[in-house]
Amino acid sequence: MKKVVGMVLALSLIVSPTLASAATSFDGDFLVAKKGGNGGSSSGGSSGGNSSKASSSSNSSSTTTTVNGNNKADAGKSSQVDTEKQSNTNTSKSDNSTKVDVKQEKTRILNEANSNKAELKSQALEFRKQFEATVESGVEKAELLETTAELLDEAGELDEAIATQEEAVQEDLTNVDRYKKLAKLMEKNGNKEIKAFVNGEHPVFDVPPVIKSGRTLVPIRAISQSLGAEVTWNQEEQTAIIEKDGVEIKLVLNEVKANVNGE
């Protein structure tokens, strides 16, 4: 498999849990995946260390409903949508409130500790313990953990800060800023390599990721397996085969085209 570490995987085809229903097409260097009319994502890859290109596309579908007279079913749908919107608004307000609370508490702790690192660490851990009893999992907890990580960083406890920030990422996987903060802490702790995360965790690479010709290249086996795909190498055909949820991707060494389910 080391022979294909230069290949870039079309990640959008593997990430989606609805992969089996994805419509895929391949045109030159571009690989496009569209999921059931709700939208699309794409990425392109090349093998043998060649640079990759990427394009994006979207495909949205709309449903038109004609209401004749008193349509209770449609009225019920409208009411449900309004309720969901209100619920989302309330959740957003709650998240913002929590963010304000923890930031204010962080400021208080920094002022009270007055650069005493031992005291700062003690208060940071106590702060986390007290707030964890009042917040649920998700964005609120992520905000709490991230603030704790910031305090631990200020206290000079980098290892604990990194571990805590990793927990924050796990609670809010789609927030890119949390990954960036984690990467900065890791760099501060001496890790200068390219940081790669799959669902908030670090894949184990036998060869580290590299940047070549403006493209980030990652070992395909580690990324694919982290996403739950099965990877095999056909020595005779010099081909890497990635399989997940009924989709098979074939990448041939030193070729810039991929084969997805025979296309």
Protein backbone atom coordinates (compact mmCIF):
# COMPACT_ATOMS: atom_id res chain seq x y z
CA MET A 1 0.00 0.00 0.00
CA LYS A 2 2.98 2.30 0.37
CA LYS A 3 3.06 2.49 -3.42
CA VAL A 4 -0.15 4.49 -3.42
CA VAL A 5 0.50 6.91 -0.55
CA GLY A 6 0.69 9.68 -3.13
CA MET A 7 -2.90 9.17 -4.22
CA VAL A 8 -5.61 11.55 -3.05
CA LEU A 9 -8.89 9.93 -2.13
CA ALA A 10 -12.21 11.36 -3.29
CA LEU A 11 -13.34 11.81 0.30
CA SER A 12 -16.82 13.04 -0.48
CA LEU A 13 -17.73 9.60 -1.79
CA ILE A 14 -16.81 7.89 1.45
CA VAL A 15 -17.91 10.30 4.16
CA SER A 16 -21.64 10.17 3.45
CA PRO A 17 -23.72 7.54 5.26
CA THR A 18 -26.08 7.62 2.25
CA LEU A 19 -23.29 6.66 -0.09
CA ALA A 20 -25.16 3.74 -1.61
CA SER A 21 -27.74 6.08 -3.15
CA ALA A 22 -25.22 8.62 -4.42
CA ALA A 23 -25.10 9.28 -8.14
CA THR A 24 -21.51 9.56 -9.28
CA SER A 25 -19.85 10.62 -12.49
CA PHE A 26 -16.26 11.07 -13.55
CA ASP A 27 -15.05 13.51 -16.17
CA GLY A 28 -11.34 13.95 -16.72
CA ASP A 29 -9.70 15.05 -13.48
CA PHE A 30 -12.97 15.85 -11.76
CA LEU A 31 -14.99 13.53 -9.58
CA VAL A 32 -18.46 14.72 -8.63
CA ALA A 33 -20.79 13.15 -6.10
CA LYS A 34 -24.41 14.22 -5.81
CA LYS A 35 -26.55 12.96 -2.99
CA GLY A 36 -30.22 12.39 -3.72
CA GLY A 37 -31.08 15.91 -4.89
CA ASN A 38 -30.33 17.62 -1.59
CA GLY A 39 -26.96 18.92 -2.66
CA GLY A 40 -23.60 17.84 -3.91
CA SER A 41 -19.98 17.75 -2.99
CA SER A 42 -16.97 16.91 -5.03
CA SER A 43 -13.28 16.34 -4.93
CA GLY A 44 -10.75 15.21 -7.47
CA GLY A 45 -7.75 12.96 -7.05
CA SER A 46 -4.68 11.77 -8.85
CA SER A 47 -2.32 8.88 -8.28
CA GLY A 48 1.39 8.45 -8.09
CA GLY A 49 2.01 11.79 -6.36
CA ASN A 50 0.45 13.92 -9.11
CA SER A 51 -1.45 17.02 -8.00
CA SER A 52 -5.22 16.89 -7.68
CA LYS A 53 -7.95 19.27 -8.84
CA ALA A 54 -11.29 19.89 -7.23
CA SER A 55 -14.62 21.24 -8.38
CA SER A 56 -17.95 21.70 -6.68
CA SER A 57 -21.53 21.30 -7.80
CA SER A 58 -24.97 21.48 -6.28
CA ASN A 59 -28.29 19.99 -7.27
CA SER A 60 -31.38 21.02 -5.38
CA SER A 61 -34.93 19.77 -5.78
CA SER A 62 -38.11 21.57 -4.81
CA THR A 63 -41.64 20.38 -4.14
CA THR A 64 -44.63 22.53 -4.96
CA THR A 65 -47.84 21.91 -3.05
CA THR A 66 -51.17 23.32 -4.21
CA VAL A 67 -53.66 23.93 -1.43
CA ASN A 68 -57.35 23.71 -2.27
CA GLY A 69 -59.75 24.87 0.43
CA ASN A 70 -58.79 23.95 4.00
CA ASN A 71 -55.87 21.57 3.85
CA LYS A 72 -55.26 20.52 7.43
CA ALA A 73 -52.30 18.34 6.53
CA ASP A 74 -50.42 21.23 4.94
CA ALA A 75 -51.42 23.53 7.79
CA GLY A 76 -50.01 20.98 10.19
CA LYS A 77 -46.74 20.88 8.25
CA SER A 78 -46.51 24.67 8.36
CA SER A 79 -47.08 24.64 12.11
CA GLN A 80 -44.43 21.97 12.55
CA VAL A 81 -41.91 24.01 10.56
CA ASP A 82 -42.67 27.09 12.67
CA THR A 83 -42.15 25.05 15.84
CA GLU A 84 -38.83 23.70 14.56
CA LYS A 85 -37.66 27.21 13.67
CA GLN A 86 -38.55 28.44 17.15
CA SER A 87 -36.75 25.48 18.70
CA ASN A 88 -33.62 26.19 16.64
CA THR A 89 -33.77 29.85 17.66
CA ASN A 90 -34.02 28.93 21.33
CA THR A 91 -31.08 26.53 20.99
CA SER A 92 -28.99 29.24 19.36
CA LYS A 93 -29.81 31.67 22.17
CA SER A 94 -28.87 29.03 24.76
CA ASP A 95 -25.53 28.35 23.04
CA ASN A 96 -24.74 32.07 22.89
CA SER A 97 -25.67 32.49 26.55
CA THR A 98 -23.37 29.64 27.56
CA LYS A 99 -20.55 31.12 25.47
CA VAL A 100 -20.90 34.47 27.24
CA ASP A 101 -20.99 32.81 30.67
CA VAL A 102 -17.86 30.73 30.17
CA LYS A 103 -15.91 33.61 28.65
CA GLN A 104 -16.81 35.83 31.60
CA GLU A 105 -15.75 33.11 34.00
CA LYS A 106 -12.50 32.68 32.11
CA THR A 107 -11.75 36.40 32.52
CA ARG A 108 -12.51 36.20 36.25
CA ILE A 109 -10.21 33.20 36.73
CA LEU A 110 -7.35 34.84 34.83
CA ASN A 111 -7.66 37.96 36.95
CA GLU A 112 -7.81 36.04 40.22
CA ALA A 113 -4.95 33.68 39.39
CA ASN A 114 -2.77 36.68 38.47
CA SER A 115 -0.24 34.62 36.45
CA ASN A 116 0.06 31.99 39.21
CA LYS A 117 0.13 28.91 36.99
CA ALA A 118 -0.54 26.39 39.73
CA GLU A 119 -3.57 28.39 40.88
CA LEU A 120 -4.72 28.85 37.29
CA LYS A 121 -4.64 25.12 36.62
CA SER A 122 -6.54 24.39 39.83
CA GLN A 123 -9.23 26.93 39.01
CA ALA A 124 -9.46 25.74 35.39
CA LEU A 125 -10.23 22.19 36.49
CA GLU A 126 -12.71 23.41 39.11
CA PHE A 127 -14.36 25.63 36.49
CA ARG A 128 -14.85 22.64 34.20
CA LYS A 129 -16.24 20.50 36.99
CA GLN A 130 -18.81 23.11 38.03
CA PHE A 131 -20.00 23.97 34.52
CA GLU A 132 -20.21 20.34 33.33
CA ALA A 133 -23.02 19.78 35.80
CA THR A 134 -25.11 22.47 34.10
CA VAL A 135 -24.49 21.93 30.36
CA GLU A 136 -25.48 19.11 28.04
CA SER A 137 -23.40 17.55 25.28
CA GLY A 138 -22.99 19.41 22.02
CA VAL A 139 -22.02 23.02 21.32
CA GLU A 140 -22.49 24.16 24.93
CA LYS A 141 -20.17 21.50 26.28
CA ALA A 142 -17.69 22.15 23.47
CA GLU A 143 -17.56 25.80 24.47
CA LEU A 144 -16.90 24.82 28.08
CA LEU A 145 -14.14 22.39 27.13
CA GLU A 146 -12.49 24.82 24.75
CA THR A 147 -12.41 27.53 27.41
CA THR A 148 -10.91 25.03 29.86
CA ALA A 149 -8.26 24.19 27.26
CA GLU A 150 -7.44 27.90 26.91
CA LEU A 151 -7.00 28.20 30.68
CA LEU A 152 -4.81 25.10 30.83
CA ASP A 153 -2.71 26.52 28.00
CA GLU A 154 -2.29 29.74 29.99
CA ALA A 155 -1.22 27.60 32.95
CA GLY A 156 1.46 25.95 30.85
CA GLU A 157 -0.26 22.56 30.86
CA LEU A 158 -0.06 21.94 27.11
CA ASP A 159 -0.66 18.19 27.17
CA GLU A 160 -3.83 18.62 29.21
CA ALA A 161 -4.89 21.56 27.06
CA ILE A 162 -4.53 19.45 23.90
CA ALA A 163 -6.47 16.54 25.41
CA THR A 164 -9.26 18.91 26.51
CA GLN A 165 -9.42 20.63 23.11
CA GLU A 166 -9.69 17.20 21.48
CA GLU A 167 -12.75 16.58 23.66
CA ALA A 168 -14.17 19.93 22.52
CA VAL A 169 -13.74 18.89 18.89
CA GLN A 170 -15.56 15.62 19.55
CA GLU A 171 -18.54 17.54 20.92
CA ASP A 172 -18.73 19.86 17.89
CA LEU A 173 -17.32 17.97 14.91
CA THR A 174 -18.42 20.41 12.22
CA ASN A 175 -16.80 23.49 13.77
CA VAL A 176 -13.60 24.07 11.82
CA ASP A 177 -12.36 26.74 14.24
CA ARG A 178 -12.09 24.15 17.01
CA TYR A 179 -9.83 22.04 14.79
CA LYS A 180 -7.68 25.10 14.06
CA LYS A 181 -7.27 25.81 17.77
CA LEU A 182 -6.33 22.19 18.37
CA ALA A 183 -3.75 22.34 15.56
CA LYS A 184 -2.22 25.50 17.06
CA LEU A 185 -1.90 23.85 20.46
CA MET A 186 -0.23 20.83 18.86
CA GLU A 187 2.22 23.07 17.00
CA LYS A 188 2.97 24.93 20.22
CA ASN A 189 3.77 21.53 21.74
CA GLY A 190 6.29 20.76 18.98
CA ASN A 191 4.16 18.94 16.41
CA LYS A 192 4.99 20.71 13.14
CA GLU A 193 3.51 18.08 10.81
CA ILE A 194 0.35 18.57 8.75
CA LYS A 195 -2.64 17.88 10.99
CA ALA A 196 -5.26 15.46 9.65
CA PHE A 197 -8.50 14.61 11.45
CA VAL A 198 -11.30 12.17 10.67
CA ASN A 199 -14.38 12.74 12.82
CA GLY A 200 -12.19 14.58 15.29
CA GLU A 201 -9.60 11.84 15.62
CA HIS A 202 -6.10 11.44 14.19
CA PRO A 203 -5.63 8.56 11.72
CA VAL A 204 -2.44 6.59 12.23
CA PHE A 205 -0.23 7.21 9.19
CA ASP A 206 2.75 5.06 8.24
CA VAL A 207 3.81 8.00 6.05
CA PRO A 208 2.94 11.57 7.13
CA PRO A 209 0.78 13.84 4.92
CA VAL A 210 2.71 16.18 2.60
CA ILE A 211 1.96 19.27 0.53
CA LYS A 212 3.01 19.00 -3.11
CA SER A 213 2.23 21.46 -5.89
CA GLY A 214 -0.30 23.20 -3.67
CA ARG A 215 -2.16 19.97 -2.87
CA THR A 216 -2.31 18.07 0.41
CA LEU A 217 -1.55 14.38 -0.11
CA VAL A 218 -2.49 11.82 2.51
CA PRO A 219 -1.98 8.04 2.76
CA ILE A 220 -5.14 6.64 1.25
CA ARG A 221 -5.37 3.51 3.38
CA ALA A 222 -5.39 5.32 6.74
CA ILE A 223 -7.98 7.90 5.66
CA SER A 224 -10.25 5.31 4.02
CA GLN A 225 -10.14 2.90 6.92
CA SER A 226 -10.83 5.72 9.38
CA LEU A 227 -14.00 6.40 7.38
CA GLY A 228 -15.02 2.75 7.65
CA ALA A 229 -14.01 1.72 4.13
CA GLU A 230 -12.15 -1.45 3.19
CA VAL A 231 -8.92 -0.98 1.26
CA THR A 232 -7.10 -3.63 -0.77
CA TRP A 233 -4.11 -3.51 -3.12
CA ASN A 234 -3.99 -5.53 -6.36
CA GLN A 235 -0.29 -6.01 -7.02
CA GLU A 236 -0.78 -7.47 -10.50
CA GLU A 237 -2.96 -4.59 -11.71
CA GLN A 238 -1.19 -1.97 -9.57
CA THR A 239 -4.59 -0.85 -8.32
CA ALA A 240 -5.92 0.35 -4.96
CA ILE A 241 -9.54 -0.65 -4.34
CA ILE A 242 -11.68 1.19 -1.79
CA GLU A 243 -15.10 -0.21 -0.87
CA LYS A 244 -17.86 1.16 1.34
CA ASP A 245 -21.64 0.82 1.38
CA GLY A 246 -21.85 -0.72 -2.08
CA VAL A 247 -19.54 1.80 -3.76
CA GLU A 248 -16.22 0.65 -5.17
CA ILE A 249 -13.47 3.09 -6.11
CA LYS A 250 -10.46 1.91 -8.09
CA LEU A 251 -7.29 3.99 -8.34
CA VAL A 252 -4.54 2.83 -10.68
CA LEU A 253 -0.96 3.77 -9.92
CA ASN A 254 0.37 6.62 -12.10
CA GLU A 255 -3.02 7.30 -13.69
CA VAL A 256 -5.07 10.48 -13.13
CA LYS A 257 -8.47 8.85 -13.63
CA ALA A 258 -10.48 6.96 -11.02
CA ASN A 259 -13.07 4.26 -11.61
CA VAL A 260 -16.23 4.49 -9.49
CA ASN A 261 -18.63 1.52 -9.74
CA GLY A 262 -17.37 0.76 -13.24
CA GLU A 263 -17.55 4.33 -14.57
